[in-house]
Amino acid sequence: MTMDLDEMKHAWTQLQARVDRLEHSDRGGRVQHALRGTRRGDWIAIGVWGVIALGAGSFWFDHRDVLHLVVAGLALHVYATAAIILGALQLRALAAIDYGAPIVTLSRQLAELARLRARCSLALGLPWWLLWVPCMIVGVTWLTGFDFYNAAWAWSSLGVGVIGLVGSLALARRFAARPVRSPALRRMIDCLSGRSLARAVRELDQIDEFARDE
């Protein structure tokens, strides 16, 4: 009788382990599926910025005898290179996620990924208060062959851009001090980090809620 009881305990332990593995696999699969759009979007963005970096590099090199065109082309070239680097960092963070980890660990990894993507979005978005000026110069000059640069327009536009950039940074610092429980901040983070990641977080929250109800 003792042997039978031991065997039953062993069989129950094995069955429970198998159930846990299946639950982990299902949970990780759902989260991984939700993040496919994020990963695909990052690869597409890196490809697009790679083309822009090559084009901007060719532009400033071809116009290296005109200072303002060199500066405008270099600004766009440096920005595109930075976008590629930040995209690669986000892909590395995605690849590092352990989809078989416990819910608490997986939730922490997704939260860290969301913060990283939000910071990258801000780092790439805020410079456009200024970057649209060299982008306009490069774009119009490249499309028409006409030097679009006008000193008065460029400097006044950059001045307005500096004001907008400073104001945006002040707002970002103010919102960063608020708890993530804030609905407004939560929506902002979801927007900055991407819909696919927000969907993955919701998937995990639903699984966690279901597990607590069991």
N, C-alpha and C. Protein backbone atom coordinates (compact mmCIF):
# COMPACT_ATOMS: atom_id res chain seq x y z
N MET A 1 0.83 -1.21 0.00
CA MET A 1 0.00 0.00 0.00
C MET A 1 0.87 1.26 0.00
N THR A 2 2.01 1.19 0.74
CA THR A 2 2.91 2.33 0.78
C THR A 2 3.50 2.61 -0.59
N MET A 3 3.87 1.58 -1.31
CA MET A 3 4.42 1.73 -2.64
C MET A 3 3.40 2.35 -3.59
N ASP A 4 2.14 1.91 -3.47
CA ASP A 4 1.10 2.46 -4.33
C ASP A 4 0.91 3.95 -4.06
N LEU A 5 0.94 4.34 -2.79
CA LEU A 5 0.77 5.75 -2.44
C LEU A 5 1.94 6.59 -2.95
N ASP A 6 3.14 6.06 -2.81
CA ASP A 6 4.31 6.76 -3.33
C ASP A 6 4.24 6.92 -4.84
N GLU A 7 3.82 5.86 -5.51
CA GLU A 7 3.69 5.93 -6.96
C GLU A 7 2.64 6.97 -7.37
N MET A 8 1.53 7.02 -6.61
CA MET A 8 0.50 8.01 -6.91
C MET A 8 1.03 9.43 -6.73
N LYS A 9 1.79 9.63 -5.66
CA LYS A 9 2.37 10.95 -5.43
C LYS A 9 3.33 11.33 -6.55
N HIS A 10 4.13 10.37 -6.97
CA HIS A 10 5.09 10.63 -8.04
C HIS A 10 4.37 10.95 -9.35
N ALA A 11 3.32 10.16 -9.63
CA ALA A 11 2.55 10.40 -10.86
C ALA A 11 1.87 11.75 -10.82
N TRP A 12 1.35 12.13 -9.64
CA TRP A 12 0.69 13.43 -9.50
C TRP A 12 1.69 14.58 -9.69
N THR A 13 2.88 14.40 -9.15
CA THR A 13 3.92 15.42 -9.32
C THR A 13 4.30 15.59 -10.78
N GLN A 14 4.44 14.47 -11.49
CA GLN A 14 4.77 14.54 -12.91
C GLN A 14 3.64 15.21 -13.70
N LEU A 15 2.39 14.85 -13.36
CA LEU A 15 1.24 15.45 -14.06
C LEU A 15 1.18 16.94 -13.82
N GLN A 16 1.42 17.37 -12.57
CA GLN A 16 1.39 18.79 -12.25
C GLN A 16 2.50 19.54 -13.00
N ALA A 17 3.67 18.92 -13.11
CA ALA A 17 4.77 19.54 -13.83
C ALA A 17 4.43 19.71 -15.30
N ARG A 18 3.78 18.69 -15.87
CA ARG A 18 3.39 18.78 -17.28
C ARG A 18 2.36 19.89 -17.48
N VAL A 19 1.39 19.97 -16.56
CA VAL A 19 0.37 21.03 -16.65
C VAL A 19 1.02 22.41 -16.57
N ASP A 20 1.97 22.56 -15.63
CA ASP A 20 2.67 23.84 -15.50
C ASP A 20 3.42 24.20 -16.77
N ARG A 21 4.07 23.20 -17.39
CA ARG A 21 4.81 23.46 -18.63
C ARG A 21 3.86 23.88 -19.75
N LEU A 22 2.69 23.23 -19.81
CA LEU A 22 1.71 23.58 -20.84
C LEU A 22 1.18 24.99 -20.62
N GLU A 23 0.92 25.35 -19.34
CA GLU A 23 0.43 26.70 -19.05
C GLU A 23 1.48 27.75 -19.42
N HIS A 24 2.74 27.46 -19.08
CA HIS A 24 3.82 28.39 -19.42
C HIS A 24 3.94 28.53 -20.93
N SER A 25 3.85 27.40 -21.62
CA SER A 25 3.98 27.42 -23.08
C SER A 25 2.85 28.21 -23.73
N ASP A 26 1.61 28.00 -23.23
CA ASP A 26 0.47 28.71 -23.80
C ASP A 26 0.58 30.21 -23.52
N ARG A 27 0.96 30.55 -22.28
CA ARG A 27 1.10 31.95 -21.91
C ARG A 27 2.17 32.63 -22.76
N GLY A 28 3.33 31.98 -22.84
CA GLY A 28 4.42 32.55 -23.63
C GLY A 28 4.07 32.66 -25.10
N GLY A 29 3.34 31.66 -25.62
CA GLY A 29 2.96 31.70 -27.02
C GLY A 29 2.04 32.85 -27.34
N ARG A 30 1.10 33.13 -26.45
CA ARG A 30 0.16 34.23 -26.68
C ARG A 30 0.87 35.57 -26.63
N VAL A 31 1.76 35.73 -25.67
CA VAL A 31 2.51 36.99 -25.56
C VAL A 31 3.45 37.15 -26.75
N GLN A 32 4.12 36.08 -27.13
CA GLN A 32 5.04 36.14 -28.26
C GLN A 32 4.29 36.48 -29.55
N HIS A 33 3.10 35.90 -29.71
CA HIS A 33 2.29 36.20 -30.90
C HIS A 33 1.88 37.67 -30.92
N ALA A 34 1.55 38.20 -29.75
CA ALA A 34 1.13 39.60 -29.68
C ALA A 34 2.28 40.55 -30.01
N LEU A 35 3.51 40.11 -29.78
CA LEU A 35 4.68 40.96 -30.02
C LEU A 35 5.24 40.84 -31.44
N ARG A 36 4.65 39.98 -32.25
CA ARG A 36 5.17 39.81 -33.61
C ARG A 36 5.09 41.11 -34.40
N GLY A 37 4.00 41.83 -34.22
CA GLY A 37 3.86 43.09 -34.93
C GLY A 37 4.92 44.10 -34.53
N THR A 38 5.26 44.11 -33.24
CA THR A 38 6.32 45.00 -32.75
C THR A 38 7.65 44.66 -33.40
N ARG A 39 7.98 43.38 -33.42
CA ARG A 39 9.25 42.95 -34.00
C ARG A 39 9.28 43.25 -35.51
N ARG A 40 8.20 42.97 -36.19
CA ARG A 40 8.15 43.23 -37.63
C ARG A 40 8.26 44.72 -37.92
N GLY A 41 7.57 45.53 -37.12
CA GLY A 41 7.66 46.98 -37.31
C GLY A 41 9.05 47.52 -37.07
N ASP A 42 9.75 46.96 -36.08
CA ASP A 42 11.11 47.42 -35.82
C ASP A 42 12.04 47.09 -36.98
N TRP A 43 11.91 45.91 -37.55
CA TRP A 43 12.75 45.54 -38.69
C TRP A 43 12.46 46.44 -39.89
N ILE A 44 11.19 46.72 -40.13
CA ILE A 44 10.83 47.61 -41.25
C ILE A 44 11.40 49.00 -41.02
N ALA A 45 11.27 49.51 -39.78
CA ALA A 45 11.79 50.84 -39.47
C ALA A 45 13.29 50.90 -39.67
N ILE A 46 14.01 49.86 -39.25
CA ILE A 46 15.46 49.85 -39.43
C ILE A 46 15.81 49.87 -40.91
N GLY A 47 15.06 49.11 -41.71
CA GLY A 47 15.31 49.11 -43.15
C GLY A 47 15.07 50.47 -43.78
N VAL A 48 13.97 51.12 -43.39
CA VAL A 48 13.65 52.44 -43.94
C VAL A 48 14.71 53.46 -43.54
N TRP A 49 15.09 53.45 -42.26
CA TRP A 49 16.11 54.40 -41.82
C TRP A 49 17.47 54.11 -42.42
N GLY A 50 17.72 52.85 -42.73
CA GLY A 50 18.96 52.52 -43.42
C GLY A 50 19.02 53.16 -44.80
N VAL A 51 17.90 53.11 -45.51
CA VAL A 51 17.83 53.75 -46.84
C VAL A 51 18.00 55.26 -46.70
N ILE A 52 17.34 55.85 -45.69
CA ILE A 52 17.45 57.30 -45.48
C ILE A 52 18.88 57.68 -45.11
N ALA A 53 19.53 56.87 -44.28
CA ALA A 53 20.91 57.16 -43.90
C ALA A 53 21.83 57.15 -45.12
N LEU A 54 21.64 56.17 -45.99
CA LEU A 54 22.45 56.11 -47.21
C LEU A 54 22.18 57.32 -48.11
N GLY A 55 20.90 57.67 -48.25
CA GLY A 55 20.55 58.82 -49.09
C GLY A 55 21.08 60.12 -48.54
N ALA A 56 20.95 60.30 -47.21
CA ALA A 56 21.44 61.53 -46.59
C ALA A 56 22.96 61.62 -46.68
N GLY A 57 23.64 60.47 -46.49
CA GLY A 57 25.10 60.47 -46.60
C GLY A 57 25.55 60.83 -48.00
N SER A 58 24.86 60.29 -48.99
CA SER A 58 25.19 60.61 -50.38
C SER A 58 24.92 62.09 -50.68
N PHE A 59 23.82 62.62 -50.07
CA PHE A 59 23.45 64.01 -50.32
C PHE A 59 24.53 64.97 -49.83
N TRP A 60 24.92 64.85 -48.55
CA TRP A 60 25.88 65.82 -48.03
C TRP A 60 27.26 65.65 -48.67
N PHE A 61 27.58 64.42 -49.07
CA PHE A 61 28.87 64.22 -49.74
C PHE A 61 28.87 64.87 -51.13
N ASP A 62 27.76 64.77 -51.83
CA ASP A 62 27.67 65.38 -53.17
C ASP A 62 27.63 66.90 -53.10
N HIS A 63 27.20 67.46 -51.97
CA HIS A 63 27.10 68.92 -51.82
C HIS A 63 28.09 69.45 -50.78
N ARG A 64 29.23 68.79 -50.66
CA ARG A 64 30.19 69.15 -49.61
C ARG A 64 30.84 70.52 -49.83
N ASP A 65 30.59 71.15 -50.97
CA ASP A 65 31.12 72.49 -51.20
C ASP A 65 30.14 73.57 -50.74
N VAL A 66 28.95 73.17 -50.27
CA VAL A 66 27.95 74.13 -49.78
C VAL A 66 27.69 73.82 -48.31
N LEU A 67 28.12 74.72 -47.42
CA LEU A 67 28.12 74.42 -46.00
C LEU A 67 26.74 74.08 -45.45
N HIS A 68 25.72 74.88 -45.76
CA HIS A 68 24.41 74.64 -45.16
C HIS A 68 23.79 73.34 -45.66
N LEU A 69 24.11 72.93 -46.88
CA LEU A 69 23.62 71.65 -47.38
C LEU A 69 24.34 70.48 -46.70
N VAL A 70 25.62 70.68 -46.43
CA VAL A 70 26.37 69.65 -45.70
C VAL A 70 25.80 69.48 -44.29
N VAL A 71 25.54 70.61 -43.62
CA VAL A 71 25.00 70.56 -42.26
C VAL A 71 23.62 69.89 -42.25
N ALA A 72 22.76 70.28 -43.20
CA ALA A 72 21.42 69.69 -43.27
C ALA A 72 21.49 68.19 -43.56
N GLY A 73 22.33 67.81 -44.51
CA GLY A 73 22.47 66.39 -44.84
C GLY A 73 23.05 65.59 -43.69
N LEU A 74 24.06 66.16 -43.02
CA LEU A 74 24.67 65.47 -41.88
C LEU A 74 23.68 65.30 -40.73
N ALA A 75 22.86 66.31 -40.48
CA ALA A 75 21.87 66.23 -39.41
C ALA A 75 20.91 65.05 -39.65
N LEU A 76 20.44 64.95 -40.89
CA LEU A 76 19.53 63.85 -41.23
C LEU A 76 20.25 62.51 -41.19
N HIS A 77 21.51 62.50 -41.62
CA HIS A 77 22.31 61.28 -41.61
C HIS A 77 22.54 60.78 -40.18
N VAL A 78 22.90 61.68 -39.29
CA VAL A 78 23.14 61.31 -37.89
C VAL A 78 21.85 60.83 -37.24
N TYR A 79 20.74 61.51 -37.53
CA TYR A 79 19.46 61.10 -36.94
C TYR A 79 19.07 59.70 -37.42
N ALA A 80 19.22 59.44 -38.71
CA ALA A 80 18.86 58.12 -39.24
C ALA A 80 19.73 57.03 -38.63
N THR A 81 21.01 57.33 -38.45
CA THR A 81 21.91 56.37 -37.81
C THR A 81 21.48 56.10 -36.37
N ALA A 82 21.11 57.15 -35.65
CA ALA A 82 20.64 56.99 -34.27
C ALA A 82 19.36 56.16 -34.22
N ALA A 83 18.47 56.37 -35.19
CA ALA A 83 17.22 55.60 -35.25
C ALA A 83 17.52 54.12 -35.47
N ILE A 84 18.51 53.82 -36.30
CA ILE A 84 18.89 52.42 -36.54
C ILE A 84 19.44 51.79 -35.25
N ILE A 85 20.27 52.53 -34.53
CA ILE A 85 20.86 52.02 -33.29
C ILE A 85 19.78 51.77 -32.25
N LEU A 86 18.87 52.71 -32.08
CA LEU A 86 17.80 52.53 -31.11
C LEU A 86 16.87 51.39 -31.50
N GLY A 87 16.64 51.23 -32.80
CA GLY A 87 15.84 50.11 -33.26
C GLY A 87 16.50 48.78 -32.95
N ALA A 88 17.81 48.72 -33.12
CA ALA A 88 18.55 47.49 -32.81
C ALA A 88 18.51 47.19 -31.31
N LEU A 89 18.59 48.23 -30.48
CA LEU A 89 18.50 48.03 -29.03
C LEU A 89 17.14 47.45 -28.64
N GLN A 90 16.09 47.93 -29.29
CA GLN A 90 14.75 47.42 -28.98
C GLN A 90 14.58 45.98 -29.45
N LEU A 91 15.15 45.65 -30.59
CA LEU A 91 15.10 44.27 -31.06
C LEU A 91 15.87 43.34 -30.11
N ARG A 92 17.00 43.83 -29.60
CA ARG A 92 17.76 43.01 -28.66
C ARG A 92 16.96 42.79 -27.38
N ALA A 93 16.25 43.83 -26.93
CA ALA A 93 15.41 43.68 -25.73
C ALA A 93 14.27 42.71 -25.98
N LEU A 94 13.70 42.74 -27.17
CA LEU A 94 12.66 41.78 -27.52
C LEU A 94 13.19 40.35 -27.51
N ALA A 95 14.38 40.17 -28.07
CA ALA A 95 14.96 38.83 -28.14
C ALA A 95 15.32 38.29 -26.76
N ALA A 96 15.53 39.18 -25.79
CA ALA A 96 15.94 38.75 -24.46
C ALA A 96 14.77 38.33 -23.58
N ILE A 97 13.53 38.52 -24.04
CA ILE A 97 12.36 38.18 -23.23
C ILE A 97 12.25 36.67 -23.09
N ASP A 98 12.06 36.21 -21.88
CA ASP A 98 11.89 34.79 -21.58
C ASP A 98 10.39 34.49 -21.50
N TYR A 99 9.83 33.94 -22.58
CA TYR A 99 8.39 33.71 -22.63
C TYR A 99 7.94 32.56 -21.74
N GLY A 100 8.87 31.76 -21.25
CA GLY A 100 8.53 30.69 -20.35
C GLY A 100 8.69 31.04 -18.89
N ALA A 101 9.02 32.29 -18.61
CA ALA A 101 9.24 32.73 -17.23
C ALA A 101 7.91 32.86 -16.50
N PRO A 102 7.93 32.86 -15.17
CA PRO A 102 6.71 33.12 -14.40
C PRO A 102 6.08 34.45 -14.76
N ILE A 103 4.80 34.58 -14.44
CA ILE A 103 4.06 35.78 -14.83
C ILE A 103 4.70 37.05 -14.27
N VAL A 104 5.15 36.99 -13.03
CA VAL A 104 5.76 38.18 -12.41
C VAL A 104 7.00 38.61 -13.18
N THR A 105 7.85 37.64 -13.52
CA THR A 105 9.08 37.94 -14.26
C THR A 105 8.76 38.45 -15.66
N LEU A 106 7.83 37.80 -16.33
CA LEU A 106 7.45 38.21 -17.68
C LEU A 106 6.83 39.60 -17.67
N SER A 107 6.02 39.88 -16.67
CA SER A 107 5.42 41.22 -16.55
C SER A 107 6.49 42.28 -16.38
N ARG A 108 7.50 41.99 -15.56
CA ARG A 108 8.59 42.94 -15.35
C ARG A 108 9.37 43.16 -16.64
N GLN A 109 9.62 42.10 -17.40
CA GLN A 109 10.34 42.24 -18.67
C GLN A 109 9.54 43.07 -19.66
N LEU A 110 8.23 42.86 -19.73
CA LEU A 110 7.41 43.64 -20.65
C LEU A 110 7.35 45.10 -20.21
N ALA A 111 7.31 45.34 -18.89
CA ALA A 111 7.31 46.72 -18.40
C ALA A 111 8.61 47.42 -18.75
N GLU A 112 9.72 46.72 -18.61
CA GLU A 112 11.02 47.30 -18.97
C GLU A 112 11.09 47.58 -20.47
N LEU A 113 10.54 46.67 -21.26
CA LEU A 113 10.51 46.88 -22.70
C LEU A 113 9.66 48.09 -23.05
N ALA A 114 8.52 48.22 -22.39
CA ALA A 114 7.64 49.37 -22.64
C ALA A 114 8.34 50.68 -22.31
N ARG A 115 9.07 50.71 -21.18
CA ARG A 115 9.80 51.93 -20.81
C ARG A 115 10.90 52.24 -21.83
N LEU A 116 11.60 51.20 -22.28
CA LEU A 116 12.65 51.40 -23.27
C LEU A 116 12.08 51.97 -24.56
N ARG A 117 10.97 51.41 -25.02
CA ARG A 117 10.37 51.88 -26.27
C ARG A 117 9.82 53.29 -26.13
N ALA A 118 9.28 53.60 -24.95
CA ALA A 118 8.78 54.95 -24.72
C ALA A 118 9.92 55.96 -24.76
N ARG A 119 11.04 55.61 -24.11
CA ARG A 119 12.20 56.51 -24.13
C ARG A 119 12.74 56.67 -25.55
N CYS A 120 12.81 55.58 -26.29
CA CYS A 120 13.30 55.66 -27.67
C CYS A 120 12.37 56.51 -28.54
N SER A 121 11.06 56.36 -28.32
CA SER A 121 10.10 57.17 -29.08
C SER A 121 10.27 58.65 -28.78
N LEU A 122 10.49 58.98 -27.52
CA LEU A 122 10.72 60.38 -27.15
C LEU A 122 12.04 60.88 -27.75
N ALA A 123 13.07 60.04 -27.66
CA ALA A 123 14.38 60.44 -28.18
C ALA A 123 14.33 60.68 -29.68
N LEU A 124 13.50 59.93 -30.38
CA LEU A 124 13.39 60.10 -31.83
C LEU A 124 12.33 61.13 -32.23
N GLY A 125 11.36 61.35 -31.35
CA GLY A 125 10.28 62.26 -31.70
C GLY A 125 10.58 63.72 -31.40
N LEU A 126 11.19 63.98 -30.25
CA LEU A 126 11.45 65.37 -29.85
C LEU A 126 12.35 66.13 -30.83
N PRO A 127 13.40 65.51 -31.41
CA PRO A 127 14.27 66.26 -32.33
C PRO A 127 13.55 66.81 -33.56
N TRP A 128 12.34 66.29 -33.86
CA TRP A 128 11.65 66.79 -35.04
C TRP A 128 11.17 68.22 -34.90
N TRP A 129 11.18 68.76 -33.67
CA TRP A 129 10.94 70.19 -33.52
C TRP A 129 11.98 70.99 -34.30
N LEU A 130 13.18 70.43 -34.44
CA LEU A 130 14.26 71.09 -35.17
C LEU A 130 14.58 70.39 -36.49
N LEU A 131 14.45 69.08 -36.50
CA LEU A 131 14.92 68.30 -37.64
C LEU A 131 14.11 68.53 -38.91
N TRP A 132 12.86 69.00 -38.77
CA TRP A 132 12.05 69.21 -39.96
C TRP A 132 12.67 70.28 -40.87
N VAL A 133 13.46 71.18 -40.27
CA VAL A 133 14.08 72.24 -41.08
C VAL A 133 15.13 71.66 -42.03
N PRO A 134 16.16 70.94 -41.53
CA PRO A 134 17.11 70.33 -42.47
C PRO A 134 16.45 69.28 -43.36
N CYS A 135 15.41 68.61 -42.85
CA CYS A 135 14.71 67.64 -43.69
C CYS A 135 14.05 68.32 -44.88
N MET A 136 13.46 69.48 -44.63
CA MET A 136 12.84 70.25 -45.72
C MET A 136 13.90 70.71 -46.72
N ILE A 137 15.01 71.18 -46.21
CA ILE A 137 16.09 71.66 -47.09
C ILE A 137 16.61 70.53 -47.97
N VAL A 138 16.88 69.38 -47.33
CA VAL A 138 17.40 68.24 -48.09
C VAL A 138 16.36 67.72 -49.07
N GLY A 139 15.12 67.60 -48.62
CA GLY A 139 14.08 67.04 -49.47
C GLY A 139 13.80 67.87 -50.71
N VAL A 140 13.61 69.17 -50.51
CA VAL A 140 13.30 70.05 -51.65
C VAL A 140 14.50 70.14 -52.59
N THR A 141 15.69 70.27 -52.03
CA THR A 141 16.89 70.35 -52.87
C THR A 141 17.09 69.07 -53.67
N TRP A 142 16.85 67.93 -53.04
CA TRP A 142 17.04 66.65 -53.72
C TRP A 142 15.99 66.43 -54.80
N LEU A 143 14.74 66.84 -54.55
CA LEU A 143 13.67 66.61 -55.51
C LEU A 143 13.72 67.58 -56.68
N THR A 144 14.07 68.84 -56.42
CA THR A 144 13.99 69.86 -57.46
C THR A 144 15.36 70.28 -58.00
N GLY A 145 16.42 70.01 -57.25
CA GLY A 145 17.73 70.50 -57.66
C GLY A 145 17.93 71.96 -57.31
N PHE A 146 16.93 72.56 -56.68
CA PHE A 146 16.99 73.97 -56.30
C PHE A 146 17.38 74.08 -54.82
N ASP A 147 18.35 74.94 -54.51
CA ASP A 147 18.79 75.14 -53.14
C ASP A 147 17.71 75.87 -52.37
N PHE A 148 17.02 75.16 -51.52
CA PHE A 148 15.85 75.68 -50.82
C PHE A 148 16.22 76.59 -49.65
N TYR A 149 17.47 76.61 -49.27
CA TYR A 149 17.88 77.28 -48.03
C TYR A 149 17.64 78.78 -48.08
N ASN A 150 17.05 79.29 -46.99
CA ASN A 150 16.90 80.73 -46.76
C ASN A 150 17.26 80.99 -45.31
N ALA A 151 18.26 81.81 -45.07
CA ALA A 151 18.80 81.98 -43.72
C ALA A 151 17.75 82.50 -42.74
N ALA A 152 16.98 83.51 -43.14
CA ALA A 152 15.97 84.08 -42.23
C ALA A 152 14.92 83.04 -41.87
N TRP A 153 14.43 82.33 -42.87
CA TRP A 153 13.42 81.29 -42.61
C TRP A 153 13.99 80.18 -41.74
N ALA A 154 15.20 79.72 -42.04
CA ALA A 154 15.79 78.60 -41.31
C ALA A 154 16.00 78.94 -39.84
N TRP A 155 16.58 80.11 -39.56
CA TRP A 155 16.89 80.45 -38.18
C TRP A 155 15.63 80.77 -37.38
N SER A 156 14.65 81.41 -38.00
CA SER A 156 13.40 81.68 -37.28
C SER A 156 12.66 80.37 -37.00
N SER A 157 12.68 79.44 -37.95
CA SER A 157 12.02 78.14 -37.75
C SER A 157 12.72 77.35 -36.65
N LEU A 158 14.04 77.40 -36.64
CA LEU A 158 14.79 76.71 -35.59
C LEU A 158 14.53 77.33 -34.22
N GLY A 159 14.37 78.66 -34.18
CA GLY A 159 14.07 79.32 -32.92
C GLY A 159 12.73 78.88 -32.35
N VAL A 160 11.71 78.81 -33.23
CA VAL A 160 10.40 78.31 -32.78
C VAL A 160 10.51 76.86 -32.34
N GLY A 161 11.33 76.09 -33.08
CA GLY A 161 11.52 74.70 -32.73
C GLY A 161 12.16 74.52 -31.36
N VAL A 162 13.11 75.37 -31.02
CA VAL A 162 13.76 75.30 -29.70
C VAL A 162 12.73 75.53 -28.59
N ILE A 163 11.85 76.51 -28.80
CA ILE A 163 10.80 76.78 -27.81
C ILE A 163 9.91 75.55 -27.64
N GLY A 164 9.50 74.97 -28.77
CA GLY A 164 8.65 73.77 -28.71
C GLY A 164 9.36 72.60 -28.05
N LEU A 165 10.65 72.46 -28.34
CA LEU A 165 11.42 71.36 -27.77
C LEU A 165 11.54 71.50 -26.25
N VAL A 166 11.84 72.71 -25.79
CA VAL A 166 11.97 72.96 -24.35
C VAL A 166 10.63 72.70 -23.65
N GLY A 167 9.54 73.17 -24.26
CA GLY A 167 8.23 72.93 -23.67
C GLY A 167 7.88 71.46 -23.62
N SER A 168 8.19 70.72 -24.67
CA SER A 168 7.92 69.28 -24.69
C SER A 168 8.73 68.54 -23.64
N LEU A 169 10.01 68.94 -23.48
CA LEU A 169 10.85 68.31 -22.46
C LEU A 169 10.30 68.57 -21.06
N ALA A 170 9.80 69.78 -20.83
CA ALA A 170 9.23 70.11 -19.52
C ALA A 170 7.99 69.26 -19.24
N LEU A 171 7.14 69.08 -20.25
CA LEU A 171 5.96 68.23 -20.09
C LEU A 171 6.34 66.79 -19.86
N ALA A 172 7.36 66.31 -20.59
CA ALA A 172 7.80 64.93 -20.44
C ALA A 172 8.32 64.68 -19.03
N ARG A 173 9.08 65.62 -18.48
CA ARG A 173 9.60 65.48 -17.12
C ARG A 173 8.47 65.50 -16.10
N ARG A 174 7.47 66.31 -16.35
CA ARG A 174 6.34 66.39 -15.42
C ARG A 174 5.55 65.09 -15.41
N PHE A 175 5.28 64.54 -16.60
CA PHE A 175 4.52 63.29 -16.66
C PHE A 175 5.34 62.11 -16.14
N ALA A 176 6.65 62.17 -16.31
CA ALA A 176 7.51 61.07 -15.85
C ALA A 176 7.46 60.93 -14.34
N ALA A 177 7.16 62.02 -13.65
CA ALA A 177 7.11 61.97 -12.19
C ALA A 177 5.81 61.38 -11.67
N ARG A 178 4.83 61.18 -12.54
CA ARG A 178 3.55 60.64 -12.10
C ARG A 178 3.61 59.11 -12.06
N PRO A 179 2.80 58.48 -11.22
CA PRO A 179 2.78 57.02 -11.18
C PRO A 179 2.20 56.44 -12.45
N VAL A 180 2.65 55.24 -12.79
CA VAL A 180 2.18 54.59 -14.01
C VAL A 180 0.70 54.26 -13.93
N ARG A 181 0.13 54.25 -12.71
CA ARG A 181 -1.29 53.97 -12.55
C ARG A 181 -2.16 55.05 -13.17
N SER A 182 -1.59 56.20 -13.43
CA SER A 182 -2.35 57.29 -14.05
C SER A 182 -2.86 56.86 -15.42
N PRO A 183 -4.18 56.94 -15.68
CA PRO A 183 -4.71 56.54 -16.99
C PRO A 183 -4.11 57.34 -18.14
N ALA A 184 -3.91 58.64 -17.93
CA ALA A 184 -3.35 59.46 -19.00
C ALA A 184 -1.92 59.03 -19.32
N LEU A 185 -1.13 58.78 -18.28
CA LEU A 185 0.25 58.35 -18.50
C LEU A 185 0.29 56.96 -19.10
N ARG A 186 -0.63 56.10 -18.68
CA ARG A 186 -0.69 54.75 -19.23
C ARG A 186 -0.98 54.78 -20.73
N ARG A 187 -1.93 55.63 -21.14
CA ARG A 187 -2.26 55.77 -22.56
C ARG A 187 -1.07 56.34 -23.33
N MET A 188 -0.36 57.28 -22.71
CA MET A 188 0.80 57.87 -23.37
C MET A 188 1.89 56.83 -23.58
N ILE A 189 2.15 56.01 -22.55
CA ILE A 189 3.17 54.97 -22.66
C ILE A 189 2.77 53.95 -23.71
N ASP A 190 1.48 53.58 -23.74
CA ASP A 190 1.00 52.63 -24.75
C ASP A 190 1.20 53.18 -26.15
N CYS A 191 0.94 54.49 -26.30
CA CYS A 191 1.10 55.11 -27.62
C CYS A 191 2.57 55.13 -28.03
N LEU A 192 3.44 55.47 -27.08
CA LEU A 192 4.86 55.56 -27.39
C LEU A 192 5.50 54.20 -27.59
N SER A 193 5.06 53.21 -26.82
CA SER A 193 5.70 51.90 -26.89
C SER A 193 5.13 51.03 -28.00
N GLY A 194 3.93 51.35 -28.49
CA GLY A 194 3.38 50.60 -29.61
C GLY A 194 2.17 49.76 -29.23
N ARG A 195 1.26 49.60 -30.18
CA ARG A 195 0.03 48.86 -29.91
C ARG A 195 0.29 47.38 -29.67
N SER A 196 1.24 46.80 -30.39
CA SER A 196 1.51 45.37 -30.23
C SER A 196 1.98 45.06 -28.82
N LEU A 197 2.85 45.91 -28.28
CA LEU A 197 3.34 45.69 -26.92
C LEU A 197 2.21 45.89 -25.92
N ALA A 198 1.38 46.88 -26.13
CA ALA A 198 0.24 47.10 -25.24
C ALA A 198 -0.69 45.89 -25.28
N ARG A 199 -0.89 45.32 -26.44
CA ARG A 199 -1.73 44.12 -26.55
C ARG A 199 -1.10 42.94 -25.82
N ALA A 200 0.21 42.81 -25.90
CA ALA A 200 0.90 41.72 -25.19
C ALA A 200 0.73 41.88 -23.68
N VAL A 201 0.82 43.11 -23.19
CA VAL A 201 0.64 43.36 -21.76
C VAL A 201 -0.78 43.01 -21.34
N ARG A 202 -1.76 43.37 -22.17
CA ARG A 202 -3.15 43.03 -21.85
C ARG A 202 -3.36 41.52 -21.84
N GLU A 203 -2.74 40.83 -22.79
CA GLU A 203 -2.83 39.36 -22.82
C GLU A 203 -2.32 38.77 -21.52
N LEU A 204 -1.18 39.25 -21.07
CA LEU A 204 -0.59 38.73 -19.85
C LEU A 204 -1.45 39.07 -18.64
N ASP A 205 -2.02 40.27 -18.62
CA ASP A 205 -2.90 40.65 -17.51
C ASP A 205 -4.12 39.76 -17.45
N GLN A 206 -4.68 39.43 -18.61
CA GLN A 206 -5.85 38.55 -18.65
C GLN A 206 -5.51 37.16 -18.15
N ILE A 207 -4.35 36.65 -18.56
CA ILE A 207 -3.93 35.33 -18.10
C ILE A 207 -3.72 35.33 -16.59
N ASP A 208 -3.08 36.40 -16.09
CA ASP A 208 -2.81 36.51 -14.65
C ASP A 208 -4.12 36.58 -13.87
N GLU A 209 -5.08 37.33 -14.39
CA GLU A 209 -6.38 37.45 -13.72
C GLU A 209 -7.12 36.11 -13.71
N PHE A 210 -7.04 35.39 -14.83
CA PHE A 210 -7.68 34.08 -14.91
C PHE A 210 -7.03 33.10 -13.92
N ALA A 211 -5.69 33.18 -13.82
CA ALA A 211 -4.97 32.27 -12.92
C ALA A 211 -5.36 32.55 -11.46
N ARG A 212 -5.57 33.82 -11.10
CA ARG A 212 -5.95 34.15 -9.73
C ARG A 212 -7.36 33.69 -9.41
N ASP A 213 -8.23 33.69 -10.44
CA ASP A 213 -9.62 33.27 -10.21
C ASP A 213 -9.77 31.78 -10.07
N GLU A 214 -8.75 31.02 -10.56
CA GLU A 214 -8.85 29.55 -10.52
C GLU A 214 -8.71 29.06 -9.08
